[in-house]
């Protein structure tokens, strides 16, 4: 009886050992197969000319004496934090710089004068803010005067800093924060600031730009167009500081600032304030703004960044780092990464006992997706964005983001790609349309009327970046016109824009997405 029991125990032990050995063999075979997959994908990338050298995408350093990033009123937030001033402590901002006094919600001052995208500043609402916030603080008269005059009095408090920035923009025409753009330690918040680069200074740029925009509007009301143009150019300069920043977030910040800069430009056109020389100057500025180059670089940067993350994880694994616990190693995801981005492990439905298989498989998947969808999204030669490629990428992630752990890291960093591509393409169309609008106003100054077609302008004009076709131009008999492109859905919706949907950032084939610039001549009664 005992011998029989002993034999059963031995058989059970041998069976368990056998199963364990089989699992180890399966694990090793799986690890080996995924490593070969990654090597194959890497070879394919290299054959297509895709680099794995992160330094290839990093912008060149900027000499300190030419670097606008460290002008005093725009001192980087990192340095403020060292002084005990943080974004969570805004009441201290004014101790560092007047530009960090964030005005209250002035959405009422941005009342649209049309159903589409552009509008001027309602200076009476801005005037009311300054008076309500403290008449003595903002040098407001006892009795309210003309809005433009009272706003100019308030601006006097920050005029010195504005003049400093305007002067510095000529002496320091380049921009680059001293960040390394590296993946080093996800436990450190500053590592994410290294990754996002110049975008970490966005709040200061946004606040400074607000002052230039409202002063531009006040100068337009006062008929001082030379000063208005100078402020408008400064607003656009602040927007274009991110031009050479390589990451997608910086490019989105860039277009956000430029959209705000287009408001006073539109206002000057609507009020017919700009003269021929000024219109020509604005056309030249707009012609040199290229969001497609920034987008192409940003998509390549995101791929490089994902590869760097996998390189970082592989280094942790090779070091047998404590960042990998037994359970986390099963997924191949270190605690530091999941904690830093605020994600838990529940999206990872498959249990992998091989961290190296996860890392290699995840990196292979990321690069496969880039090759399939994103590598050909932007065609710089033809000046085109291909929405269908990005929509395919977006649809893939909507269906598969949580179905496989290899999609986990790609989803974190590529997931925002489709909305960003859409917004950036729309912004390039808006810039093109603003440029055409300036040409139309120059024609009107000369001929006393608008042309019946864009061909009458007699100059080479940009095309819709989504279709490669000319923009639509729709003049009427009352001195109004519309310029529009068919936009993201590649359909002509007759120049109609669903404003709510247009800001959603969601890729949809059904929403009307014409990108439109509409002229609304402002009468003298409107100005009052």
Protein backbone atom coordinates (compact mmCIF):
# COMPACT_ATOMS: atom_id res chain seq x y z
CA UNK A 1 0.00 0.00 0.00
CA UNK A 2 2.78 2.38 0.98
CA UNK A 3 4.77 1.49 -2.14
CA UNK A 4 1.73 2.16 -4.29
CA UNK A 5 1.20 5.55 -2.58
CA UNK A 6 4.87 6.38 -3.01
CA UNK A 7 4.69 5.59 -6.71
CA UNK A 8 1.63 7.85 -7.06
CA UNK A 9 3.40 10.71 -5.29
CA UNK A 10 6.47 10.27 -7.48
CA UNK A 11 4.29 10.18 -10.57
CA UNK A 12 2.48 13.32 -9.42
CA UNK A 13 5.78 15.11 -8.73
CA UNK A 14 7.20 14.02 -12.07
CA UNK A 15 3.97 15.15 -13.75
CA UNK A 16 4.18 18.57 -12.11
CA UNK A 17 7.85 18.86 -13.05
CA UNK A 18 6.97 17.81 -16.59
CA UNK A 19 4.20 20.40 -16.85
CA UNK A 20 6.55 23.02 -15.41
CA UNK A 21 9.22 22.12 -17.95
CA UNK A 22 6.68 22.25 -20.77
CA UNK A 23 5.59 25.72 -19.62
CA UNK A 24 9.22 26.85 -19.50
CA UNK A 25 9.77 25.51 -23.01
CA UNK A 26 6.61 27.27 -24.23
CA UNK A 27 7.79 30.46 -22.55
CA UNK A 28 11.24 30.24 -24.11
CA UNK A 29 9.84 29.41 -27.55
CA UNK A 30 7.39 32.31 -27.26
CA UNK A 31 10.17 34.65 -26.09
CA UNK A 32 12.42 33.55 -28.95
CA UNK A 33 9.63 33.90 -31.53
CA UNK A 34 8.72 37.42 -30.39
CA UNK A 35 12.38 38.45 -30.37
CA UNK A 36 12.63 37.30 -33.99
CA UNK A 37 9.46 39.23 -34.77
CA UNK A 38 10.97 42.41 -33.33
CA UNK A 39 14.21 41.88 -35.26
CA UNK A 40 12.18 41.43 -38.46
CA UNK A 41 10.16 44.61 -37.86
CA UNK A 42 13.29 46.55 -37.01
CA UNK A 43 14.89 45.40 -40.26
CA UNK A 44 11.79 46.46 -42.19
CA UNK A 45 11.92 49.90 -40.57
CA UNK A 46 15.56 50.34 -41.48
CA UNK A 47 14.88 49.28 -45.06
CA UNK A 48 12.25 52.04 -45.22
CA UNK A 49 14.79 54.56 -43.94
CA UNK A 50 13.34 54.83 -40.42
CA UNK A 51 16.01 55.64 -37.86
CA UNK A 52 16.32 54.31 -34.32
CA UNK A 53 18.69 57.06 -33.21
CA UNK A 54 16.73 59.37 -30.90
CA UNK A 55 19.22 62.19 -31.47
CA UNK A 56 18.08 62.40 -35.10
CA UNK A 57 14.82 64.05 -34.06
CA UNK A 58 16.12 66.39 -31.31
CA UNK A 59 16.31 70.10 -32.26
CA UNK A 60 19.67 71.80 -32.32
CA UNK A 61 20.70 73.79 -29.21
CA UNK A 62 20.13 77.54 -29.30
CA UNK A 63 22.83 79.99 -28.16
CA UNK A 64 21.83 81.66 -24.91
CA UNK A 65 22.12 85.16 -26.35
CA UNK A 66 19.72 84.21 -29.18
CA UNK A 67 17.28 82.19 -27.07
CA UNK A 68 13.90 83.80 -26.40
CA UNK A 69 12.95 81.06 -23.90
CA UNK A 70 14.75 82.71 -21.02
CA UNK A 71 13.57 86.30 -21.37
CA UNK A 72 12.66 87.41 -17.85
CA UNK A 73 8.86 87.81 -18.17
CA UNK A 74 8.63 84.29 -19.61
CA UNK A 75 10.92 82.57 -17.13
CA UNK A 76 10.28 78.81 -17.40
CA UNK A 77 7.89 77.26 -14.90
CA UNK A 78 10.62 74.88 -13.75
CA UNK A 79 12.55 77.84 -12.37
CA UNK A 80 9.45 79.30 -10.71
CA UNK A 81 8.85 75.97 -9.01
CA UNK A 82 12.35 76.10 -7.58
CA UNK A 83 11.39 79.47 -6.09
CA UNK A 84 8.27 77.96 -4.52
CA UNK A 85 5.90 79.25 -7.19
CA UNK A 86 3.87 76.54 -8.90
CA UNK A 87 0.81 76.40 -11.15
CA UNK A 88 -1.14 75.38 -8.06
CA UNK A 89 -0.13 78.61 -6.36
CA UNK A 90 -1.22 81.29 -8.87
CA UNK A 91 -1.53 84.11 -6.33
CA UNK A 92 2.28 84.25 -6.25
CA UNK A 93 2.66 84.59 -9.98
CA UNK A 94 2.46 88.36 -9.91
CA UNK A 95 5.55 88.43 -7.67
CA UNK A 96 7.52 86.93 -10.53
CA UNK A 97 5.96 88.63 -13.53
CA UNK A 98 2.92 90.70 -14.39
CA UNK A 99 2.32 88.36 -17.30
CA UNK A 100 1.41 85.60 -14.88
CA UNK A 101 -1.63 87.49 -13.67
CA UNK A 102 -4.23 85.35 -15.38
CA UNK A 103 -7.34 87.41 -16.19
CA UNK A 104 -10.70 86.07 -15.09
CA UNK A 105 -12.85 84.17 -17.55
CA UNK A 106 -13.33 86.65 -20.37
CA UNK A 107 -15.27 84.33 -22.65
CA UNK A 108 -17.96 87.00 -22.84
CA UNK A 109 -15.39 89.31 -24.43
CA UNK A 110 -14.97 86.90 -27.32
CA UNK A 111 -18.47 87.17 -28.69
CA UNK A 112 -18.48 85.84 -32.25
CA UNK A 113 -19.57 88.17 -35.03
CA UNK A 114 -20.43 85.19 -37.21
CA UNK A 115 -21.34 81.52 -36.87
CA UNK A 116 -17.90 80.23 -37.80
CA UNK A 117 -14.47 80.43 -36.27
CA UNK A 118 -13.28 84.02 -36.00
CA UNK A 119 -14.26 87.04 -34.01
CA UNK A 120 -12.80 90.16 -32.46
CA UNK A 121 -12.46 91.13 -28.83
CA UNK A 122 -15.40 92.86 -27.21
CA UNK A 123 -13.38 95.56 -25.50
CA UNK A 124 -16.36 96.71 -23.44
CA UNK A 125 -16.33 93.31 -21.68
CA UNK A 126 -12.55 93.58 -21.17
CA UNK A 127 -13.06 97.10 -19.82
CA UNK A 128 -15.69 95.77 -17.40
CA UNK A 129 -13.27 93.11 -16.17
CA UNK A 130 -10.59 95.69 -15.38
CA UNK A 131 -13.06 97.93 -13.58
CA UNK A 132 -14.58 95.04 -11.58
CA UNK A 133 -11.18 93.58 -10.71
CA UNK A 134 -9.98 96.87 -9.21
CA UNK A 135 -10.19 100.33 -10.72
CA UNK A 136 -7.08 101.55 -8.91
CA UNK A 137 -5.19 98.33 -9.68
CA UNK A 138 -5.82 98.79 -13.41
CA UNK A 139 -5.69 102.62 -13.52
CA UNK A 140 -9.35 102.94 -14.48
CA UNK A 141 -11.01 106.39 -14.46
CA UNK A 142 -13.88 107.14 -12.08
CA UNK A 143 -16.29 107.32 -14.99
CA UNK A 144 -15.93 104.70 -17.68
CA UNK A 145 -14.65 106.13 -20.93
CA UNK A 146 -14.31 104.60 -24.37
CA UNK A 147 -13.50 100.87 -23.99
CA UNK A 148 -10.35 101.06 -26.11
CA UNK A 149 -9.01 104.03 -24.11
CA UNK A 150 -9.71 102.42 -20.73
CA UNK A 151 -8.21 99.10 -21.84
CA UNK A 152 -5.05 100.91 -22.91
CA UNK A 153 -4.84 102.46 -19.41
CA UNK A 154 -5.02 98.99 -17.86
CA UNK A 155 -2.41 97.65 -20.25
CA UNK A 156 -0.06 100.33 -18.95
CA UNK A 157 0.63 98.12 -15.95
CA UNK A 158 2.26 95.44 -18.13
CA UNK A 159 3.48 97.69 -20.96
CA UNK A 160 7.09 97.57 -19.73
CA UNK A 161 7.16 93.78 -19.92
CA UNK A 162 5.43 93.87 -23.30
CA UNK A 163 8.07 96.25 -24.63
CA UNK A 164 10.79 94.01 -23.21
CA UNK A 165 9.34 90.99 -25.03
CA UNK A 166 8.96 92.89 -28.29
CA UNK A 167 12.57 94.04 -28.11
CA UNK A 168 13.77 90.54 -27.15
CA UNK A 169 11.92 88.97 -30.08
CA UNK A 170 14.27 90.84 -32.43
CA UNK A 171 17.41 90.17 -30.40
CA UNK A 172 16.52 86.56 -29.56
CA UNK A 173 14.59 85.15 -32.52
CA UNK A 174 15.06 81.45 -31.58
CA UNK A 175 13.42 79.34 -28.91
CA UNK A 176 14.58 76.22 -27.10
CA UNK A 177 14.18 75.21 -23.46
CA UNK A 178 17.21 73.46 -22.01
CA UNK A 179 15.58 70.04 -21.85
CA UNK A 180 17.13 66.77 -22.93
CA UNK A 181 14.13 65.03 -24.50
CA UNK A 182 15.07 61.76 -22.85
CA UNK A 183 13.40 58.82 -21.17
CA UNK A 184 15.18 58.26 -17.91
CA UNK A 185 12.99 57.78 -14.84
CA UNK A 186 9.21 57.79 -14.94
CA UNK A 187 9.10 58.45 -11.22
CA UNK A 188 10.31 61.98 -11.90
CA UNK A 189 7.77 64.53 -13.13
CA UNK A 190 10.59 66.53 -14.68
CA UNK A 191 11.28 63.64 -17.03
CA UNK A 192 7.87 64.22 -18.57
CA UNK A 193 8.72 67.91 -18.83
CA UNK A 194 11.89 66.86 -20.63
CA UNK A 195 9.75 64.89 -23.05
CA UNK A 196 7.22 67.66 -23.73
CA UNK A 197 9.97 70.26 -24.08
CA UNK A 198 8.87 73.81 -24.81
CA UNK A 199 5.21 73.05 -24.15
CA UNK A 200 5.94 73.30 -20.42
CA UNK A 201 6.16 77.08 -20.92
CA UNK A 202 2.75 77.27 -22.61
CA UNK A 203 0.88 79.10 -19.77
CA UNK A 204 3.30 82.03 -19.87
CA UNK A 205 3.09 82.30 -23.64
CA UNK A 206 -0.70 82.14 -23.53
CA UNK A 207 -0.91 84.89 -20.92
CA UNK A 208 1.59 87.13 -22.68
CA UNK A 209 -0.20 86.67 -25.99
CA UNK A 210 -3.53 87.69 -24.43
CA UNK A 211 -2.13 91.14 -23.66
CA UNK A 212 -0.78 91.64 -27.17
CA UNK A 213 -4.08 90.53 -28.67
CA UNK A 214 -6.25 92.91 -26.67
CA UNK A 215 -3.81 95.81 -27.23
CA UNK A 216 -3.89 95.04 -30.96
CA UNK A 217 -7.70 95.21 -30.82
CA UNK A 218 -7.56 98.51 -28.92
CA UNK A 219 -5.11 99.97 -31.46
CA UNK A 220 -7.44 98.89 -34.28
CA UNK A 221 -10.33 100.70 -32.58
CA UNK A 222 -8.17 103.81 -32.23
CA UNK A 223 -7.06 103.63 -35.87
CA UNK A 224 -3.42 103.10 -34.94
CA UNK A 225 -2.80 100.31 -37.43
CA UNK A 226 1.01 100.36 -37.34
CA UNK A 227 0.99 99.66 -33.60
CA UNK A 228 -1.80 97.11 -34.09
CA UNK A 229 0.27 95.30 -36.71
CA UNK A 230 3.31 95.28 -34.43
CA UNK A 231 1.26 93.66 -31.66
CA UNK A 232 -0.29 91.18 -34.09
CA UNK A 233 3.17 90.18 -35.32
CA UNK A 234 4.28 89.71 -31.72
CA UNK A 235 1.24 87.53 -31.05
CA UNK A 236 2.11 85.39 -34.07
CA UNK A 237 5.76 85.27 -33.00
CA UNK A 238 4.71 83.84 -29.63
CA UNK A 239 2.56 81.26 -31.40
CA UNK A 240 5.42 80.18 -33.64
CA UNK A 241 7.90 79.68 -30.80
CA UNK A 242 6.94 75.99 -30.91
CA UNK A 243 7.67 75.65 -34.62
CA UNK A 244 10.79 73.52 -34.10
CA UNK A 245 9.60 71.64 -31.03
CA UNK A 246 9.50 67.97 -32.04
CA UNK A 247 6.62 66.54 -30.03
CA UNK A 248 2.93 66.39 -30.82
CA UNK A 249 1.81 68.27 -27.70
CA UNK A 250 3.98 71.27 -28.61
CA UNK A 251 2.49 71.36 -32.10
CA UNK A 252 -1.02 71.37 -30.61
CA UNK A 253 0.01 74.23 -28.27
CA UNK A 254 1.40 76.03 -31.31
CA UNK A 255 -1.88 75.88 -33.22
CA UNK A 256 -3.84 76.91 -30.11
CA UNK A 257 -1.84 80.13 -29.86
CA UNK A 258 -2.03 80.76 -33.61
CA UNK A 259 -5.81 80.37 -33.59
CA UNK A 260 -5.94 83.14 -30.98
CA UNK A 261 -3.59 85.30 -33.07
CA UNK A 262 -5.92 84.99 -36.07
CA UNK A 263 -8.69 86.77 -34.15
CA UNK A 264 -7.16 90.28 -34.25
CA UNK A 265 -5.97 89.60 -37.81
CA UNK A 266 -9.56 88.78 -38.79
CA UNK A 267 -10.81 91.85 -36.89
CA UNK A 268 -8.48 94.14 -38.85
CA UNK A 269 -9.76 92.62 -42.11
CA UNK A 270 -13.40 92.86 -41.07
CA UNK A 271 -12.97 96.52 -40.09
CA UNK A 272 -10.88 97.15 -43.21
CA UNK A 273 -8.07 98.65 -41.16
CA UNK A 274 -5.01 97.11 -42.85
CA UNK A 275 -3.45 99.00 -45.74
CA UNK A 276 -1.89 97.38 -48.82
CA UNK A 277 1.63 97.29 -47.39
CA UNK A 278 0.40 95.76 -44.14
CA UNK A 279 -1.64 93.15 -46.02
CA UNK A 280 1.38 92.21 -48.05
CA UNK A 281 3.45 91.84 -44.86
CA UNK A 282 0.79 89.59 -43.33
CA UNK A 283 0.64 87.44 -46.46
CA UNK A 284 4.38 86.89 -46.27
CA UNK A 285 4.19 85.83 -42.62
CA UNK A 286 1.30 83.45 -43.27
CA UNK A 287 2.99 81.95 -46.34
CA UNK A 288 5.95 80.88 -44.19
CA UNK A 289 3.86 79.04 -41.58
CA UNK A 290 4.00 75.32 -42.27
CA UNK A 291 2.16 73.06 -39.84
CA UNK A 292 2.69 69.99 -42.01
CA UNK A 293 6.44 70.02 -41.39
CA UNK A 294 5.76 70.28 -37.65
CA UNK A 295 3.23 67.45 -37.82
CA UNK A 296 5.56 65.18 -39.78
CA UNK A 297 8.35 65.78 -37.28
CA UNK A 298 5.98 65.25 -34.33
CA UNK A 299 4.76 61.88 -35.60
CA UNK A 300 8.35 60.76 -36.08
CA UNK A 301 9.18 62.03 -32.59
CA UNK A 302 6.35 60.00 -31.04
CA UNK A 303 7.74 56.87 -32.70
CA UNK A 304 11.24 57.66 -31.45
CA UNK A 305 9.82 58.31 -27.98
CA UNK A 306 8.04 54.94 -27.89
CA UNK A 307 11.24 53.22 -28.97
CA UNK A 308 13.11 55.04 -26.20
CA UNK A 309 10.53 53.87 -23.66
CA UNK A 310 11.04 50.27 -24.73
CA UNK A 311 14.81 50.79 -24.59
CA UNK A 312 14.39 52.11 -21.05
CA UNK A 313 12.23 49.13 -20.03
CA UNK A 314 14.71 46.71 -21.58
CA UNK A 315 17.47 48.37 -19.54
CA UNK A 316 15.49 47.91 -16.33
CA UNK A 317 14.95 44.28 -17.15
CA UNK A 318 18.64 43.71 -17.90
CA UNK A 319 19.54 45.31 -14.58
CA UNK A 320 17.09 43.01 -12.78
CA UNK A 321 15.71 46.22 -11.34
CA UNK A 322 13.44 46.32 -8.30
CA UNK A 323 11.01 48.25 -10.50
CA UNK A 324 9.86 44.85 -11.71
CA UNK A 325 7.90 42.89 -9.14
CA UNK A 326 6.92 39.29 -9.71
CA UNK A 327 3.41 40.12 -10.89
CA UNK A 328 4.39 43.17 -12.90
CA UNK A 329 7.18 41.25 -14.57
CA UNK A 330 4.50 38.90 -15.82
CA UNK A 331 3.15 41.77 -17.86
CA UNK A 332 6.55 43.31 -18.52
CA UNK A 333 5.38 46.71 -17.24
CA UNK A 334 7.37 48.37 -14.43
CA UNK A 335 5.61 49.98 -11.53
CA UNK A 336 7.16 53.35 -12.31
CA UNK A 337 5.58 53.56 -15.76
CA UNK A 338 2.10 52.51 -14.73
CA UNK A 339 2.13 54.80 -11.71
CA UNK A 340 3.44 57.84 -13.58
CA UNK A 341 0.79 57.81 -16.28
CA UNK A 342 -2.01 56.98 -13.89
CA UNK A 343 -2.90 53.66 -15.50
CA UNK A 344 -3.55 50.36 -13.82
CA UNK A 345 -2.92 46.93 -15.22
CA UNK A 346 -6.54 46.02 -15.89
CA UNK A 347 -6.27 46.80 -19.65
CA UNK A 348 -3.74 44.01 -19.98
CA UNK A 349 -5.95 40.98 -20.40
CA UNK A 350 -3.31 38.42 -21.27
CA UNK A 351 -0.92 37.11 -18.69
CA UNK A 352 2.66 36.98 -19.93
CA UNK A 353 5.33 35.49 -17.77
CA UNK A 354 8.07 36.80 -20.07
CA UNK A 355 8.83 40.52 -19.67
CA UNK A 356 11.24 40.46 -22.61
CA UNK A 357 8.49 39.02 -24.83
CA UNK A 358 6.22 41.87 -23.79
CA UNK A 359 8.86 44.53 -24.48
CA UNK A 360 9.85 43.08 -27.86
CA UNK A 361 6.26 42.43 -28.88
CA UNK A 362 5.11 45.87 -27.79
CA UNK A 363 7.95 47.60 -29.65
CA UNK A 364 7.30 45.49 -32.76
CA UNK A 365 3.59 46.39 -32.65
CA UNK A 366 4.32 50.10 -32.22
CA UNK A 367 6.60 50.21 -35.24
CA UNK A 368 4.25 48.05 -37.33
CA UNK A 369 1.42 50.48 -36.65
CA UNK A 370 3.62 53.44 -37.53
CA UNK A 371 4.64 51.85 -40.84
CA UNK A 372 1.07 50.87 -41.72
CA UNK A 373 -0.76 54.06 -40.76
CA UNK A 374 1.39 57.02 -39.78
CA UNK A 375 4.47 56.86 -41.97
CA UNK A 376 2.53 58.13 -44.99
CA UNK A 377 0.09 60.43 -43.20
CA UNK A 378 1.95 63.58 -44.28
CA UNK A 379 3.30 64.15 -47.79
CA UNK A 380 5.52 67.21 -47.62
CA UNK A 381 6.22 67.28 -51.36
CA UNK A 382 2.56 67.48 -52.35
CA UNK A 383 1.67 69.42 -49.17
CA UNK A 384 -1.00 66.92 -48.22
CA UNK A 385 -2.42 65.19 -45.16
CA UNK A 386 -4.18 61.88 -45.80
CA UNK A 387 -7.10 61.66 -43.34
CA UNK A 388 -8.04 58.10 -44.31
CA UNK A 389 -4.68 56.74 -43.12
CA UNK A 390 -5.14 58.32 -39.69
CA UNK A 391 -8.79 57.30 -39.51
CA UNK A 392 -7.72 53.70 -40.10
CA UNK A 393 -5.27 54.02 -37.23
CA UNK A 394 -7.95 55.54 -34.99
CA UNK A 395 -10.43 52.79 -35.85
CA UNK A 396 -7.81 50.12 -35.13
CA UNK A 397 -7.28 51.45 -31.62
CA UNK A 398 -10.96 51.85 -30.91
CA UNK A 399 -11.38 48.13 -31.64
CA UNK A 400 -8.10 46.75 -30.31
CA UNK A 401 -6.68 49.12 -27.70
CA UNK A 402 -7.50 46.83 -24.76
CA UNK A 403 -7.55 43.49 -26.55
CA UNK A 404 -3.82 42.85 -26.39
CA UNK A 405 -1.03 44.05 -24.07
CA UNK A 406 1.17 44.84 -27.05
CA UNK A 407 -1.15 47.79 -27.76
CA UNK A 408 -0.75 49.22 -24.27
CA UNK A 409 2.22 51.57 -24.71
CA UNK A 410 1.31 52.42 -28.32
CA UNK A 411 -2.13 53.49 -27.12
CA UNK A 412 -0.65 55.77 -24.47
CA UNK A 413 1.46 57.74 -26.93
CA UNK A 414 -0.10 57.21 -30.37
CA UNK A 415 -3.68 57.34 -29.09
CA UNK A 416 -3.93 61.12 -29.45
CA UNK A 417 -2.53 61.00 -32.97
CA UNK A 418 -5.77 61.12 -34.96
CA UNK A 419 -7.35 64.12 -33.14
CA UNK A 420 -4.03 65.99 -33.29
CA UNK A 421 -3.56 65.34 -37.02
CA UNK A 422 -7.09 66.55 -37.63
CA UNK A 423 -6.62 69.78 -35.66
CA UNK A 424 -3.24 70.51 -37.20
CA UNK A 425 -4.60 69.99 -40.72
CA UNK A 426 -7.54 72.26 -40.01
CA UNK A 427 -5.18 74.90 -38.67
CA UNK A 428 -3.05 74.82 -41.82
CA UNK A 429 -6.22 75.29 -43.85
CA UNK A 430 -7.17 78.24 -41.64
CA UNK A 431 -3.74 79.81 -42.11
CA UNK A 432 -4.05 79.35 -45.89
CA UNK A 433 -7.51 80.91 -45.89
CA UNK A 434 -6.30 83.88 -43.82
CA UNK A 435 -3.55 84.38 -46.39
CA UNK A 436 -6.10 84.31 -49.22
CA UNK A 437 -8.33 86.72 -47.28
CA UNK A 438 -5.43 89.19 -47.04
CA UNK A 439 -4.97 88.92 -50.82
CA UNK A 440 -8.70 89.53 -51.32
CA UNK A 441 -8.58 92.65 -49.14
CA UNK A 442 -5.56 93.94 -51.07
CA UNK A 443 -7.52 93.39 -54.30
CA UNK A 444 -10.50 95.23 -52.79
CA UNK A 445 -8.32 98.21 -51.85
CA UNK A 446 -7.11 98.45 -55.43
CA UNK A 447 -10.30 97.62 -57.34
CA UNK A 448 -13.01 98.72 -54.94
CA UNK A 449 -14.64 95.29 -55.07
CA UNK A 450 -13.92 91.63 -54.48
CA UNK A 451 -13.06 89.35 -57.42
CA UNK A 452 -15.58 86.86 -58.74
CA UNK A 453 -13.00 84.08 -58.57
CA UNK A 454 -9.67 83.47 -56.85
CA UNK A 455 -8.01 83.22 -60.27
CA UNK A 456 -8.52 87.00 -60.66
CA UNK A 457 -6.02 87.56 -57.85
CA UNK A 458 -3.31 86.60 -60.35
CA UNK A 459 -1.08 84.81 -57.87
CA UNK A 460 -0.26 81.28 -56.81
CA UNK A 461 -2.44 80.27 -53.88
CA UNK A 462 -2.25 77.35 -51.43
CA UNK A 463 -4.59 74.37 -51.70
CA UNK A 464 -6.66 72.38 -49.21
CA UNK A 465 -4.21 70.11 -47.39
CA UNK A 466 -6.81 67.36 -47.02
CA UNK A 467 -7.73 67.08 -50.71
CA UNK A 468 -5.01 68.85 -52.68
CA UNK A 469 -7.75 70.85 -54.42
CA UNK A 470 -8.23 74.62 -54.52
CA UNK A 471 -10.20 76.23 -51.71
CA UNK A 472 -13.78 77.18 -52.47
CA UNK A 473 -14.50 80.90 -52.77
CA UNK A 474 -18.05 82.14 -52.49
CA UNK A 475 -18.56 85.95 -52.87
CA UNK A 476 -21.96 87.63 -52.74
CA UNK A 477 -23.37 90.94 -53.95
CA UNK A 478 -23.25 92.55 -50.48
CA UNK A 479 -19.48 92.65 -50.06
CA UNK A 480 -19.24 89.40 -48.12
CA UNK A 481 -17.41 86.20 -49.00
CA UNK A 482 -16.54 82.80 -47.71
CA UNK A 483 -13.38 80.77 -48.27
CA UNK A 484 -13.56 77.14 -47.26
CA UNK A 485 -12.04 73.70 -47.71
CA UNK A 486 -13.88 70.42 -47.44
CA UNK A 487 -11.92 69.41 -44.36
CA UNK A 488 -11.52 66.13 -42.49
CA UNK A 489 -14.47 64.23 -43.92
CA UNK A 490 -13.33 64.95 -47.50
CA UNK A 491 -16.85 66.08 -48.39
CA UNK A 492 -18.11 69.44 -49.64
CA UNK A 493 -20.67 70.44 -47.02
CA UNK A 494 -21.29 73.77 -48.73
CA UNK A 495 -19.16 75.76 -46.31
CA UNK A 496 -21.21 74.69 -43.29
CA UNK A 497 -19.51 74.12 -39.99
CA UNK A 498 -20.87 72.31 -36.98
CA UNK A 499 -18.96 74.34 -34.40
CA UNK A 500 -19.52 71.94 -31.51
CA UNK A 501 -18.39 68.90 -33.44
CA UNK A 502 -15.51 70.76 -35.07
CA UNK A 503 -13.88 71.18 -31.68
CA UNK A 504 -14.42 67.61 -30.53
CA UNK A 505 -11.25 66.24 -32.05
CA UNK A 506 -12.98 62.97 -32.89
CA UNK A 507 -12.35 61.43 -36.26
CA UNK A 508 -15.72 60.88 -37.92
CA UNK A 509 -16.76 60.39 -41.51
CA UNK A 510 -20.22 61.80 -40.83
CA UNK A 511 -19.70 65.16 -39.14
CA UNK A 512 -19.62 68.24 -41.38
CA UNK A 513 -16.08 69.49 -41.20
CA UNK A 514 -15.67 72.27 -43.76
CA UNK A 515 -12.95 74.64 -42.61
CA UNK A 516 -14.17 78.16 -43.31
CA UNK A 517 -12.98 81.76 -43.24
CA UNK A 518 -15.92 84.11 -43.53
CA UNK A 519 -15.74 87.85 -44.07
CA UNK A 520 -18.15 89.95 -42.02
CA UNK A 521 -17.65 93.64 -42.83
CA UNK A 522 -18.06 95.63 -39.62
CA UNK A 523 -20.20 98.75 -39.89
CA UNK A 524 -19.56 101.91 -37.92
CA UNK A 525 -22.55 101.13 -35.72
CA UNK A 526 -21.09 97.70 -34.94
CA UNK A 527 -17.84 99.29 -33.85
CA UNK A 528 -19.66 101.46 -31.39
